[in-house]
Amino acid sequence: MKAVAPSVLAADFTRLGEELRAMEKAGAAYHHLDVMDAHFVPNLTFGPLVVQAARRAASIPLDVHLMIQDPLTYGPLCAGLGAEIVTFHYEATPHVHGGLVKIREAGARSGLSLTPGTPVEVLGPVLNYVDLVLIMSVNPGFGGQAFIPESLDKVARLRAFLKENAPRRPILIEVDGGVTDRNAAELYRAGADILVSGSFLYGAPDYGLALASLRGGDL
């Protein structure tokens, strides 16, 4: 799988609906929405109302990434508002299992994100409840950061870990942070399924060409 999820945080919010539809026309597989609370991460972005508005405007799945301290409340809420995938951080709560279960019960696929310093082995006890693993290739909280090179090895280790521990169930691997046409091919080769990119895509003069460059021209 070679999919791209443009990060809505980099879009022009004065014309959000137009931006979402333009990315869909360009070939995006998902819209990636970064919800930040200024507590788990230092930045503050948007909340459920924007998720709800995006759902009304979009015709492809919403991929919501919660960078917040209370995923057990807001994970199911975003699922109920129409997000197809809801991901929260392993580091955000001691109740990881409960958060994953609640998101599934609310009707979405459950995702778990790992910051750069968190090893993939922490997934073991909850792997049966995870549909997607998001590898952060920057420290969470701000867009426009440089890609951490060690993330490539982490993606490869995650792919091997999933093959060994969940061989009969597809679990998607997503990568977020500093993704451009310079590292996209390597990330896919390492085992990534979905690449998240914000300013590289929404800052491009031609969304279609920018998105195709992340897919290796395969649209």
N, C-alpha and C. Protein backbone atom coordinates (compact mmCIF):
# COMPACT_ATOMS: atom_id res chain seq x y z
N MET A 1 0.84 -1.19 0.00
CA MET A 1 0.00 0.00 0.00
C MET A 1 0.88 1.24 0.00
N LYS A 2 0.57 2.19 -0.89
CA LYS A 2 1.28 3.46 -0.93
C LYS A 2 0.24 4.57 -0.93
N ALA A 3 -0.09 5.05 0.27
CA ALA A 3 -1.13 6.06 0.41
C ALA A 3 -0.55 7.33 1.02
N VAL A 4 -1.19 8.45 0.73
CA VAL A 4 -0.77 9.74 1.26
C VAL A 4 -1.95 10.38 1.98
N ALA A 5 -1.65 10.93 3.16
CA ALA A 5 -2.65 11.62 3.97
C ALA A 5 -2.19 13.06 4.20
N PRO A 6 -2.64 14.02 3.39
CA PRO A 6 -2.24 15.40 3.60
C PRO A 6 -2.70 15.92 4.98
N SER A 7 -1.80 16.62 5.65
CA SER A 7 -2.12 17.16 6.97
C SER A 7 -2.91 18.46 6.83
N VAL A 8 -4.13 18.43 7.29
CA VAL A 8 -5.04 19.56 7.14
C VAL A 8 -4.53 20.80 7.87
N LEU A 9 -3.68 20.60 8.87
CA LEU A 9 -3.13 21.72 9.63
C LEU A 9 -2.41 22.72 8.74
N ALA A 10 -1.89 22.27 7.60
CA ALA A 10 -1.17 23.15 6.68
C ALA A 10 -2.07 23.80 5.64
N ALA A 11 -3.35 23.49 5.66
CA ALA A 11 -4.28 24.02 4.67
C ALA A 11 -4.64 25.47 4.99
N ASP A 12 -5.26 26.13 4.03
CA ASP A 12 -5.81 27.47 4.21
C ASP A 12 -7.19 27.34 4.85
N PHE A 13 -7.29 27.66 6.14
CA PHE A 13 -8.54 27.44 6.86
C PHE A 13 -9.64 28.42 6.47
N THR A 14 -9.31 29.47 5.73
CA THR A 14 -10.36 30.37 5.27
C THR A 14 -11.15 29.75 4.12
N ARG A 15 -10.62 28.68 3.55
CA ARG A 15 -11.30 27.97 2.46
C ARG A 15 -11.09 26.47 2.62
N LEU A 16 -11.44 25.99 3.80
CA LEU A 16 -11.12 24.61 4.17
C LEU A 16 -11.78 23.60 3.24
N GLY A 17 -13.06 23.78 2.96
CA GLY A 17 -13.75 22.83 2.11
C GLY A 17 -13.11 22.72 0.73
N GLU A 18 -12.74 23.86 0.15
CA GLU A 18 -12.10 23.86 -1.16
C GLU A 18 -10.75 23.14 -1.10
N GLU A 19 -10.01 23.37 -0.04
CA GLU A 19 -8.71 22.73 0.11
C GLU A 19 -8.84 21.20 0.20
N LEU A 20 -9.80 20.74 0.99
CA LEU A 20 -10.00 19.30 1.13
C LEU A 20 -10.37 18.67 -0.21
N ARG A 21 -11.28 19.32 -0.92
CA ARG A 21 -11.70 18.76 -2.21
C ARG A 21 -10.57 18.79 -3.23
N ALA A 22 -9.72 19.81 -3.16
CA ALA A 22 -8.58 19.88 -4.08
C ALA A 22 -7.60 18.73 -3.83
N MET A 23 -7.36 18.42 -2.55
CA MET A 23 -6.47 17.31 -2.24
C MET A 23 -7.09 15.97 -2.64
N GLU A 24 -8.39 15.85 -2.50
CA GLU A 24 -9.05 14.62 -2.95
C GLU A 24 -8.89 14.45 -4.46
N LYS A 25 -9.08 15.53 -5.19
CA LYS A 25 -8.93 15.48 -6.65
C LYS A 25 -7.49 15.13 -7.04
N ALA A 26 -6.53 15.58 -6.21
CA ALA A 26 -5.12 15.31 -6.48
C ALA A 26 -4.74 13.86 -6.20
N GLY A 27 -5.58 13.13 -5.45
CA GLY A 27 -5.32 11.72 -5.20
C GLY A 27 -5.05 11.34 -3.76
N ALA A 28 -5.37 12.22 -2.80
CA ALA A 28 -5.17 11.88 -1.40
C ALA A 28 -6.04 10.70 -1.00
N ALA A 29 -5.51 9.85 -0.12
CA ALA A 29 -6.26 8.69 0.35
C ALA A 29 -7.03 9.00 1.63
N TYR A 30 -6.48 9.90 2.44
CA TYR A 30 -7.09 10.30 3.71
C TYR A 30 -6.83 11.79 3.91
N HIS A 31 -7.64 12.41 4.76
CA HIS A 31 -7.33 13.72 5.31
C HIS A 31 -6.83 13.49 6.74
N HIS A 32 -5.65 14.02 7.05
CA HIS A 32 -5.04 13.83 8.37
C HIS A 32 -5.28 15.09 9.19
N LEU A 33 -5.92 14.93 10.34
CA LEU A 33 -6.26 16.07 11.20
C LEU A 33 -5.51 15.95 12.53
N ASP A 34 -4.65 16.92 12.80
CA ASP A 34 -3.84 16.95 14.01
C ASP A 34 -4.52 17.77 15.10
N VAL A 35 -5.02 17.10 16.12
CA VAL A 35 -5.68 17.75 17.24
C VAL A 35 -4.67 17.89 18.38
N MET A 36 -4.36 19.13 18.77
CA MET A 36 -3.38 19.38 19.83
C MET A 36 -4.01 20.24 20.92
N ASP A 37 -3.61 19.99 22.17
CA ASP A 37 -4.30 20.62 23.31
C ASP A 37 -3.45 21.60 24.11
N ALA A 38 -2.21 21.86 23.70
CA ALA A 38 -1.29 22.75 24.43
C ALA A 38 -0.93 22.21 25.81
N HIS A 39 -1.15 20.91 26.04
CA HIS A 39 -0.75 20.26 27.29
C HIS A 39 0.16 19.07 27.00
N PHE A 40 -0.36 18.11 26.25
CA PHE A 40 0.50 16.98 25.85
C PHE A 40 1.62 17.46 24.93
N VAL A 41 1.28 18.40 24.06
CA VAL A 41 2.28 19.08 23.21
C VAL A 41 2.10 20.58 23.43
N PRO A 42 3.13 21.38 23.12
CA PRO A 42 3.02 22.81 23.42
C PRO A 42 2.10 23.60 22.51
N ASN A 43 1.74 23.04 21.37
CA ASN A 43 0.91 23.78 20.42
C ASN A 43 -0.58 23.53 20.66
N LEU A 44 -1.41 24.47 20.21
CA LEU A 44 -2.87 24.36 20.28
C LEU A 44 -3.42 24.51 18.87
N THR A 45 -4.20 23.53 18.42
CA THR A 45 -4.71 23.63 17.05
C THR A 45 -6.23 23.74 17.04
N PHE A 46 -6.91 22.63 16.85
CA PHE A 46 -8.38 22.65 16.76
C PHE A 46 -8.94 21.41 17.42
N GLY A 47 -10.25 21.37 17.52
CA GLY A 47 -10.89 20.27 18.22
C GLY A 47 -12.00 19.62 17.42
N PRO A 48 -12.98 19.04 18.10
CA PRO A 48 -14.02 18.26 17.44
C PRO A 48 -14.85 19.03 16.42
N LEU A 49 -15.05 20.33 16.61
CA LEU A 49 -15.86 21.09 15.65
C LEU A 49 -15.24 21.09 14.26
N VAL A 50 -13.92 21.18 14.18
CA VAL A 50 -13.26 21.14 12.88
C VAL A 50 -13.31 19.73 12.29
N VAL A 51 -13.20 18.72 13.13
CA VAL A 51 -13.38 17.35 12.65
C VAL A 51 -14.76 17.18 12.03
N GLN A 52 -15.75 17.70 12.71
CA GLN A 52 -17.13 17.62 12.22
C GLN A 52 -17.29 18.37 10.90
N ALA A 53 -16.71 19.56 10.81
CA ALA A 53 -16.80 20.35 9.58
C ALA A 53 -16.08 19.65 8.43
N ALA A 54 -14.91 19.07 8.73
CA ALA A 54 -14.18 18.35 7.69
C ALA A 54 -14.97 17.15 7.18
N ARG A 55 -15.67 16.47 8.09
CA ARG A 55 -16.47 15.32 7.68
C ARG A 55 -17.57 15.74 6.71
N ARG A 56 -18.17 16.90 6.95
CA ARG A 56 -19.22 17.38 6.05
C ARG A 56 -18.67 17.73 4.67
N ALA A 57 -17.42 18.23 4.63
CA ALA A 57 -16.85 18.69 3.37
C ALA A 57 -16.14 17.59 2.60
N ALA A 58 -15.71 16.54 3.29
CA ALA A 58 -14.83 15.54 2.68
C ALA A 58 -15.62 14.35 2.12
N SER A 59 -15.01 13.70 1.14
CA SER A 59 -15.60 12.46 0.59
C SER A 59 -14.65 11.27 0.74
N ILE A 60 -13.50 11.48 1.39
CA ILE A 60 -12.57 10.38 1.69
C ILE A 60 -12.43 10.27 3.20
N PRO A 61 -11.84 9.20 3.72
CA PRO A 61 -11.78 9.00 5.17
C PRO A 61 -10.98 10.07 5.91
N LEU A 62 -11.43 10.36 7.13
CA LEU A 62 -10.71 11.25 8.03
C LEU A 62 -9.83 10.42 8.94
N ASP A 63 -8.59 10.84 9.05
CA ASP A 63 -7.56 10.18 9.86
C ASP A 63 -7.17 11.18 10.96
N VAL A 64 -7.76 11.02 12.14
CA VAL A 64 -7.58 11.99 13.22
C VAL A 64 -6.45 11.56 14.14
N HIS A 65 -5.51 12.46 14.37
CA HIS A 65 -4.34 12.21 15.21
C HIS A 65 -4.44 13.08 16.45
N LEU A 66 -4.70 12.45 17.59
CA LEU A 66 -4.88 13.17 18.85
C LEU A 66 -3.54 13.31 19.57
N MET A 67 -3.07 14.53 19.68
CA MET A 67 -1.88 14.83 20.48
C MET A 67 -2.36 15.57 21.72
N ILE A 68 -3.08 14.82 22.57
CA ILE A 68 -3.76 15.42 23.71
C ILE A 68 -3.63 14.52 24.94
N GLN A 69 -3.94 15.08 26.11
CA GLN A 69 -3.81 14.34 27.36
C GLN A 69 -5.02 13.47 27.67
N ASP A 70 -6.14 13.70 27.00
CA ASP A 70 -7.36 12.98 27.34
C ASP A 70 -7.94 12.26 26.13
N PRO A 71 -7.24 11.26 25.60
CA PRO A 71 -7.75 10.55 24.44
C PRO A 71 -8.97 9.68 24.75
N LEU A 72 -9.15 9.30 26.00
CA LEU A 72 -10.29 8.44 26.32
C LEU A 72 -11.62 9.16 26.17
N THR A 73 -11.60 10.48 26.32
CA THR A 73 -12.81 11.28 26.09
C THR A 73 -12.95 11.65 24.62
N TYR A 74 -11.88 12.19 24.05
CA TYR A 74 -11.98 12.78 22.72
C TYR A 74 -11.79 11.77 21.59
N GLY A 75 -11.19 10.62 21.87
CA GLY A 75 -11.09 9.60 20.85
C GLY A 75 -12.45 9.09 20.40
N PRO A 76 -13.28 8.60 21.32
CA PRO A 76 -14.63 8.17 20.94
C PRO A 76 -15.48 9.31 20.37
N LEU A 77 -15.27 10.54 20.88
CA LEU A 77 -16.03 11.68 20.37
C LEU A 77 -15.72 11.92 18.90
N CYS A 78 -14.45 11.91 18.53
CA CYS A 78 -14.09 12.11 17.13
C CYS A 78 -14.59 10.97 16.25
N ALA A 79 -14.56 9.76 16.79
CA ALA A 79 -15.12 8.63 16.05
C ALA A 79 -16.61 8.83 15.80
N GLY A 80 -17.30 9.31 16.81
CA GLY A 80 -18.73 9.56 16.67
C GLY A 80 -19.05 10.67 15.70
N LEU A 81 -18.10 11.56 15.46
CA LEU A 81 -18.30 12.67 14.52
C LEU A 81 -17.94 12.27 13.09
N GLY A 82 -17.50 11.04 12.90
CA GLY A 82 -17.28 10.55 11.54
C GLY A 82 -15.86 10.25 11.15
N ALA A 83 -14.92 10.31 12.09
CA ALA A 83 -13.54 9.93 11.75
C ALA A 83 -13.46 8.42 11.55
N GLU A 84 -12.82 8.01 10.48
CA GLU A 84 -12.67 6.58 10.20
C GLU A 84 -11.51 5.97 10.98
N ILE A 85 -10.47 6.76 11.22
CA ILE A 85 -9.33 6.32 12.02
C ILE A 85 -9.09 7.36 13.11
N VAL A 86 -8.93 6.92 14.34
CA VAL A 86 -8.59 7.82 15.44
C VAL A 86 -7.36 7.26 16.13
N THR A 87 -6.29 8.07 16.16
CA THR A 87 -5.01 7.65 16.72
C THR A 87 -4.67 8.54 17.90
N PHE A 88 -4.20 7.93 18.98
CA PHE A 88 -3.71 8.71 20.11
C PHE A 88 -2.33 8.22 20.49
N HIS A 89 -1.68 8.93 21.41
CA HIS A 89 -0.29 8.62 21.76
C HIS A 89 -0.20 7.64 22.92
N TYR A 90 0.65 6.65 22.72
CA TYR A 90 0.95 5.70 23.79
C TYR A 90 1.40 6.44 25.04
N GLU A 91 2.14 7.53 24.88
CA GLU A 91 2.72 8.26 26.00
C GLU A 91 1.71 9.15 26.73
N ALA A 92 0.50 9.30 26.17
CA ALA A 92 -0.45 10.27 26.71
C ALA A 92 -1.27 9.75 27.88
N THR A 93 -1.38 8.43 28.02
CA THR A 93 -2.28 7.88 29.03
C THR A 93 -1.79 6.52 29.52
N PRO A 94 -2.03 6.20 30.79
CA PRO A 94 -1.73 4.84 31.25
C PRO A 94 -2.80 3.84 30.82
N HIS A 95 -3.90 4.35 30.28
CA HIS A 95 -5.04 3.50 29.93
C HIS A 95 -5.10 3.26 28.41
N VAL A 96 -3.99 2.78 27.87
CA VAL A 96 -3.90 2.58 26.42
C VAL A 96 -4.95 1.60 25.92
N HIS A 97 -5.07 0.46 26.59
CA HIS A 97 -6.05 -0.54 26.18
C HIS A 97 -7.46 0.04 26.17
N GLY A 98 -7.82 0.74 27.23
CA GLY A 98 -9.15 1.32 27.31
C GLY A 98 -9.42 2.31 26.20
N GLY A 99 -8.42 3.12 25.86
CA GLY A 99 -8.60 4.07 24.77
C GLY A 99 -8.83 3.40 23.44
N LEU A 100 -8.06 2.36 23.16
CA LEU A 100 -8.22 1.64 21.89
C LEU A 100 -9.59 0.99 21.80
N VAL A 101 -10.03 0.39 22.90
CA VAL A 101 -11.34 -0.27 22.91
C VAL A 101 -12.46 0.74 22.72
N LYS A 102 -12.38 1.87 23.38
CA LYS A 102 -13.43 2.88 23.28
C LYS A 102 -13.56 3.43 21.87
N ILE A 103 -12.44 3.63 21.20
CA ILE A 103 -12.47 4.13 19.83
C ILE A 103 -13.15 3.12 18.91
N ARG A 104 -12.81 1.85 19.06
CA ARG A 104 -13.47 0.83 18.24
C ARG A 104 -14.96 0.75 18.54
N GLU A 105 -15.31 0.81 19.81
CA GLU A 105 -16.73 0.75 20.17
C GLU A 105 -17.52 1.92 19.59
N ALA A 106 -16.83 3.05 19.39
CA ALA A 106 -17.49 4.23 18.82
C ALA A 106 -17.56 4.18 17.30
N GLY A 107 -16.97 3.14 16.69
CA GLY A 107 -17.14 2.93 15.27
C GLY A 107 -15.97 3.25 14.37
N ALA A 108 -14.81 3.58 14.95
CA ALA A 108 -13.63 3.90 14.14
C ALA A 108 -12.56 2.82 14.29
N ARG A 109 -11.60 2.84 13.40
CA ARG A 109 -10.42 2.02 13.58
C ARG A 109 -9.49 2.72 14.57
N SER A 110 -8.82 1.94 15.39
CA SER A 110 -8.01 2.50 16.47
C SER A 110 -6.54 2.54 16.09
N GLY A 111 -5.92 3.68 16.33
CA GLY A 111 -4.50 3.84 16.04
C GLY A 111 -3.73 4.24 17.29
N LEU A 112 -2.45 3.86 17.31
CA LEU A 112 -1.58 4.21 18.42
C LEU A 112 -0.31 4.83 17.86
N SER A 113 0.05 5.99 18.38
CA SER A 113 1.22 6.71 17.90
C SER A 113 2.37 6.59 18.88
N LEU A 114 3.59 6.52 18.33
CA LEU A 114 4.81 6.42 19.13
C LEU A 114 5.71 7.60 18.81
N THR A 115 6.12 8.35 19.84
CA THR A 115 7.06 9.44 19.65
C THR A 115 8.45 8.87 19.36
N PRO A 116 9.40 9.69 18.92
CA PRO A 116 10.70 9.15 18.50
C PRO A 116 11.43 8.32 19.56
N GLY A 117 11.23 8.61 20.83
CA GLY A 117 11.95 7.88 21.87
C GLY A 117 11.26 6.64 22.40
N THR A 118 10.10 6.31 21.86
CA THR A 118 9.33 5.15 22.34
C THR A 118 9.57 3.95 21.44
N PRO A 119 10.02 2.82 22.00
CA PRO A 119 10.32 1.64 21.16
C PRO A 119 9.06 0.93 20.69
N VAL A 120 9.17 0.24 19.58
CA VAL A 120 8.00 -0.43 19.00
C VAL A 120 7.53 -1.59 19.87
N GLU A 121 8.39 -2.11 20.73
CA GLU A 121 8.03 -3.27 21.55
C GLU A 121 6.92 -2.99 22.55
N VAL A 122 6.65 -1.70 22.86
CA VAL A 122 5.57 -1.39 23.81
C VAL A 122 4.21 -1.80 23.27
N LEU A 123 4.12 -2.05 21.97
CA LEU A 123 2.85 -2.42 21.36
C LEU A 123 2.39 -3.82 21.75
N GLY A 124 3.31 -4.66 22.19
CA GLY A 124 3.00 -6.06 22.42
C GLY A 124 1.72 -6.34 23.18
N PRO A 125 1.51 -5.77 24.37
CA PRO A 125 0.34 -6.11 25.16
C PRO A 125 -0.99 -5.67 24.57
N VAL A 126 -0.97 -4.70 23.64
CA VAL A 126 -2.24 -4.18 23.11
C VAL A 126 -2.39 -4.40 21.61
N LEU A 127 -1.53 -5.21 21.04
CA LEU A 127 -1.49 -5.35 19.59
C LEU A 127 -2.81 -5.85 19.00
N ASN A 128 -3.55 -6.64 19.74
CA ASN A 128 -4.82 -7.16 19.24
C ASN A 128 -5.89 -6.07 19.11
N TYR A 129 -5.64 -4.90 19.66
CA TYR A 129 -6.63 -3.82 19.66
C TYR A 129 -6.21 -2.66 18.77
N VAL A 130 -5.11 -2.83 18.04
CA VAL A 130 -4.55 -1.76 17.21
C VAL A 130 -4.79 -2.06 15.74
N ASP A 131 -5.27 -1.05 15.01
CA ASP A 131 -5.47 -1.18 13.57
C ASP A 131 -4.42 -0.41 12.77
N LEU A 132 -3.77 0.55 13.42
CA LEU A 132 -2.78 1.40 12.76
C LEU A 132 -1.75 1.82 13.79
N VAL A 133 -0.48 1.86 13.39
CA VAL A 133 0.59 2.39 14.23
C VAL A 133 1.19 3.59 13.51
N LEU A 134 1.22 4.71 14.20
CA LEU A 134 1.78 5.95 13.65
C LEU A 134 3.16 6.20 14.25
N ILE A 135 4.16 6.17 13.41
CA ILE A 135 5.53 6.48 13.82
C ILE A 135 5.76 7.98 13.63
N MET A 136 6.05 8.68 14.71
CA MET A 136 6.40 10.10 14.61
C MET A 136 7.87 10.21 14.20
N SER A 137 8.11 10.84 13.07
CA SER A 137 9.48 11.03 12.58
C SER A 137 10.00 12.43 12.88
N VAL A 138 9.26 13.15 13.73
CA VAL A 138 9.70 14.38 14.37
C VAL A 138 9.12 14.34 15.78
N ASN A 139 9.54 15.25 16.64
CA ASN A 139 8.90 15.36 17.94
C ASN A 139 7.55 16.04 17.77
N PRO A 140 6.49 15.48 18.35
CA PRO A 140 5.14 15.99 18.06
C PRO A 140 4.92 17.40 18.59
N GLY A 141 4.09 18.15 17.86
CA GLY A 141 3.66 19.44 18.35
C GLY A 141 3.73 20.57 17.36
N PHE A 142 4.61 20.48 16.38
CA PHE A 142 4.75 21.56 15.40
C PHE A 142 5.04 21.00 14.02
N GLY A 143 4.47 21.65 13.00
CA GLY A 143 4.76 21.28 11.64
C GLY A 143 6.07 21.90 11.17
N GLY A 144 6.56 21.45 10.03
CA GLY A 144 7.73 22.04 9.42
C GLY A 144 9.06 21.59 9.98
N GLN A 145 9.08 20.57 10.86
CA GLN A 145 10.34 20.09 11.43
C GLN A 145 11.08 19.17 10.46
N ALA A 146 12.38 19.04 10.68
CA ALA A 146 13.20 18.16 9.85
C ALA A 146 12.99 16.71 10.25
N PHE A 147 12.98 15.84 9.27
CA PHE A 147 12.83 14.40 9.45
C PHE A 147 13.98 13.84 10.27
N ILE A 148 13.66 12.99 11.25
CA ILE A 148 14.68 12.33 12.06
C ILE A 148 15.13 11.07 11.33
N PRO A 149 16.40 10.99 10.89
CA PRO A 149 16.84 9.88 10.02
C PRO A 149 16.65 8.50 10.63
N GLU A 150 16.77 8.39 11.96
CA GLU A 150 16.61 7.09 12.61
C GLU A 150 15.20 6.52 12.47
N SER A 151 14.28 7.35 12.03
CA SER A 151 12.89 6.88 11.85
C SER A 151 12.80 5.78 10.80
N LEU A 152 13.66 5.80 9.81
CA LEU A 152 13.64 4.76 8.78
C LEU A 152 13.86 3.39 9.40
N ASP A 153 14.85 3.29 10.26
CA ASP A 153 15.12 2.02 10.93
C ASP A 153 13.96 1.62 11.84
N LYS A 154 13.34 2.61 12.45
CA LYS A 154 12.22 2.31 13.35
C LYS A 154 11.04 1.75 12.57
N VAL A 155 10.79 2.29 11.40
CA VAL A 155 9.70 1.77 10.55
C VAL A 155 10.01 0.33 10.16
N ALA A 156 11.23 0.05 9.78
CA ALA A 156 11.62 -1.32 9.40
C ALA A 156 11.48 -2.27 10.58
N ARG A 157 11.87 -1.81 11.78
CA ARG A 157 11.74 -2.66 12.97
C ARG A 157 10.27 -2.91 13.30
N LEU A 158 9.45 -1.90 13.09
CA LEU A 158 8.02 -2.07 13.34
C LEU A 158 7.42 -3.08 12.36
N ARG A 159 7.79 -2.98 11.09
CA ARG A 159 7.27 -3.93 10.09
C ARG A 159 7.66 -5.36 10.47
N ALA A 160 8.90 -5.56 10.90
CA ALA A 160 9.34 -6.89 11.30
C ALA A 160 8.61 -7.35 12.56
N PHE A 161 8.39 -6.43 13.50
CA PHE A 161 7.68 -6.75 14.74
C PHE A 161 6.25 -7.18 14.45
N LEU A 162 5.58 -6.48 13.55
CA LEU A 162 4.20 -6.83 13.20
C LEU A 162 4.14 -8.15 12.45
N LYS A 163 5.11 -8.39 11.59
CA LYS A 163 5.13 -9.65 10.85
C LYS A 163 5.28 -10.84 11.79
N GLU A 164 6.05 -10.64 12.84
CA GLU A 164 6.29 -11.73 13.79
C GLU A 164 5.14 -11.91 14.77
N ASN A 165 4.53 -10.80 15.18
CA ASN A 165 3.55 -10.86 16.27
C ASN A 165 2.09 -10.75 15.83
N ALA A 166 1.85 -10.29 14.62
CA ALA A 166 0.48 -10.21 14.11
C ALA A 166 0.46 -10.59 12.64
N PRO A 167 0.91 -11.79 12.31
CA PRO A 167 1.11 -12.15 10.90
C PRO A 167 -0.18 -12.31 10.11
N ARG A 168 -1.30 -12.56 10.77
CA ARG A 168 -2.55 -12.83 10.05
C ARG A 168 -3.52 -11.65 10.04
N ARG A 169 -3.10 -10.52 10.62
CA ARG A 169 -4.01 -9.37 10.69
C ARG A 169 -3.30 -8.13 10.17
N PRO A 170 -3.88 -7.49 9.15
CA PRO A 170 -3.21 -6.30 8.61
C PRO A 170 -3.28 -5.13 9.58
N ILE A 171 -2.13 -4.60 9.94
CA ILE A 171 -2.03 -3.40 10.77
C ILE A 171 -1.25 -2.37 9.95
N LEU A 172 -1.85 -1.24 9.69
CA LEU A 172 -1.23 -0.22 8.86
C LEU A 172 -0.11 0.49 9.61
N ILE A 173 0.92 0.88 8.87
CA ILE A 173 2.00 1.69 9.40
C ILE A 173 1.94 3.07 8.73
N GLU A 174 1.85 4.08 9.57
CA GLU A 174 1.78 5.46 9.09
C GLU A 174 3.00 6.21 9.63
N VAL A 175 3.51 7.16 8.85
CA VAL A 175 4.66 7.98 9.27
C VAL A 175 4.29 9.44 9.12
N ASP A 176 4.62 10.22 10.15
CA ASP A 176 4.25 11.64 10.19
C ASP A 176 5.43 12.45 10.69
N GLY A 177 5.85 13.44 9.87
CA GLY A 177 6.87 14.37 10.30
C GLY A 177 8.02 14.50 9.33
N GLY A 178 8.12 15.65 8.68
CA GLY A 178 9.24 15.88 7.77
C GLY A 178 9.22 15.04 6.52
N VAL A 179 8.05 14.56 6.12
CA VAL A 179 7.94 13.70 4.94
C VAL A 179 7.92 14.56 3.67
N THR A 180 8.84 14.27 2.75
CA THR A 180 8.90 14.96 1.46
C THR A 180 9.25 13.94 0.39
N ASP A 181 9.41 14.45 -0.84
CA ASP A 181 9.81 13.55 -1.93
C ASP A 181 11.23 13.04 -1.76
N ARG A 182 11.99 13.58 -0.82
CA ARG A 182 13.37 13.14 -0.60
C ARG A 182 13.44 11.85 0.23
N ASN A 183 12.41 11.58 1.03
CA ASN A 183 12.47 10.38 1.88
C ASN A 183 11.28 9.44 1.69
N ALA A 184 10.32 9.81 0.87
CA ALA A 184 9.10 9.01 0.73
C ALA A 184 9.40 7.60 0.24
N ALA A 185 10.21 7.47 -0.80
CA ALA A 185 10.48 6.14 -1.36
C ALA A 185 11.16 5.24 -0.33
N GLU A 186 12.09 5.80 0.43
CA GLU A 186 12.77 5.02 1.46
C GLU A 186 11.80 4.56 2.54
N LEU A 187 10.85 5.42 2.88
CA LEU A 187 9.87 5.06 3.92
C LEU A 187 8.96 3.94 3.45
N TYR A 188 8.53 3.99 2.20
CA TYR A 188 7.73 2.89 1.67
C TYR A 188 8.52 1.59 1.65
N ARG A 189 9.78 1.68 1.24
CA ARG A 189 10.61 0.47 1.21
C ARG A 189 10.83 -0.10 2.61
N ALA A 190 10.90 0.78 3.61
CA ALA A 190 11.09 0.32 4.99
C ALA A 190 9.85 -0.36 5.54
N GLY A 191 8.67 -0.10 4.93
CA GLY A 191 7.46 -0.76 5.38
C GLY A 191 6.28 0.13 5.64
N ALA A 192 6.39 1.43 5.37
CA ALA A 192 5.27 2.34 5.60
C ALA A 192 4.15 2.09 4.59
N ASP A 193 2.91 2.27 5.06
CA ASP A 193 1.73 2.18 4.19
C ASP A 193 1.17 3.55 3.86
N ILE A 194 1.21 4.45 4.85
CA ILE A 194 0.61 5.78 4.71
C ILE A 194 1.63 6.83 5.12
N LEU A 195 1.82 7.85 4.29
CA LEU A 195 2.70 8.95 4.62
C LEU A 195 1.87 10.21 4.84
N VAL A 196 2.14 10.87 5.95
CA VAL A 196 1.49 12.14 6.27
C VAL A 196 2.43 13.27 5.89
N SER A 197 1.91 14.27 5.21
CA SER A 197 2.73 15.42 4.84
C SER A 197 1.87 16.66 4.83
N GLY A 198 2.41 17.74 5.37
CA GLY A 198 1.63 18.97 5.48
C GLY A 198 2.11 20.06 4.56
N SER A 199 3.12 20.80 4.98
CA SER A 199 3.57 21.96 4.22
C SER A 199 4.12 21.57 2.84
N PHE A 200 4.71 20.38 2.72
CA PHE A 200 5.21 19.96 1.41
C PHE A 200 4.07 19.87 0.40
N LEU A 201 2.91 19.43 0.85
CA LEU A 201 1.77 19.29 -0.06
C LEU A 201 0.97 20.57 -0.18
N TYR A 202 0.52 21.11 0.95
CA TYR A 202 -0.33 22.30 0.90
C TYR A 202 0.44 23.55 0.50
N GLY A 203 1.77 23.51 0.58
CA GLY A 203 2.57 24.64 0.12
C GLY A 203 2.99 24.53 -1.33
N ALA A 204 2.58 23.47 -2.00
CA ALA A 204 2.99 23.25 -3.39
C ALA A 204 2.08 24.00 -4.35
N PRO A 205 2.61 24.49 -5.46
CA PRO A 205 1.77 25.16 -6.46
C PRO A 205 0.83 24.21 -7.18
N ASP A 206 1.18 22.93 -7.24
CA ASP A 206 0.34 21.93 -7.91
C ASP A 206 0.20 20.74 -6.96
N TYR A 207 -0.97 20.60 -6.36
CA TYR A 207 -1.18 19.53 -5.39
C TYR A 207 -1.00 18.15 -6.02
N GLY A 208 -1.46 18.00 -7.25
CA GLY A 208 -1.38 16.70 -7.90
C GLY A 208 0.05 16.25 -8.11
N LEU A 209 0.90 17.17 -8.59
CA LEU A 209 2.30 16.82 -8.82
C LEU A 209 3.02 16.54 -7.50
N ALA A 210 2.72 17.34 -6.49
CA ALA A 210 3.37 17.13 -5.18
C ALA A 210 2.97 15.78 -4.58
N LEU A 211 1.69 15.47 -4.69
CA LEU A 211 1.23 14.20 -4.13
C LEU A 211 1.79 13.02 -4.93
N ALA A 212 1.84 13.17 -6.26
CA ALA A 212 2.41 12.10 -7.08
C ALA A 212 3.87 11.86 -6.75
N SER A 213 4.61 12.92 -6.38
CA SER A 213 6.02 12.75 -6.05
C SER A 213 6.21 11.94 -4.77
N LEU A 214 5.22 11.97 -3.88
CA LEU A 214 5.29 11.15 -2.69
C LEU A 214 4.90 9.70 -2.96
N ARG A 215 4.15 9.51 -4.00
CA ARG A 215 3.73 8.16 -4.38
C ARG A 215 4.64 7.56 -5.44
N GLY A 216 5.73 8.24 -5.76
CA GLY A 216 6.63 7.75 -6.80
C GLY A 216 6.03 7.83 -8.19
N GLY A 217 5.12 8.79 -8.37
CA GLY A 217 4.48 8.95 -9.67
C GLY A 217 3.35 7.98 -9.91
N ASP A 218 3.08 7.11 -8.92
CA ASP A 218 2.06 6.06 -9.08
C ASP A 218 0.74 6.56 -8.53
N LEU A 219 -0.07 7.18 -9.38
CA LEU A 219 -1.39 7.62 -8.97
C LEU A 219 -2.45 6.77 -9.69
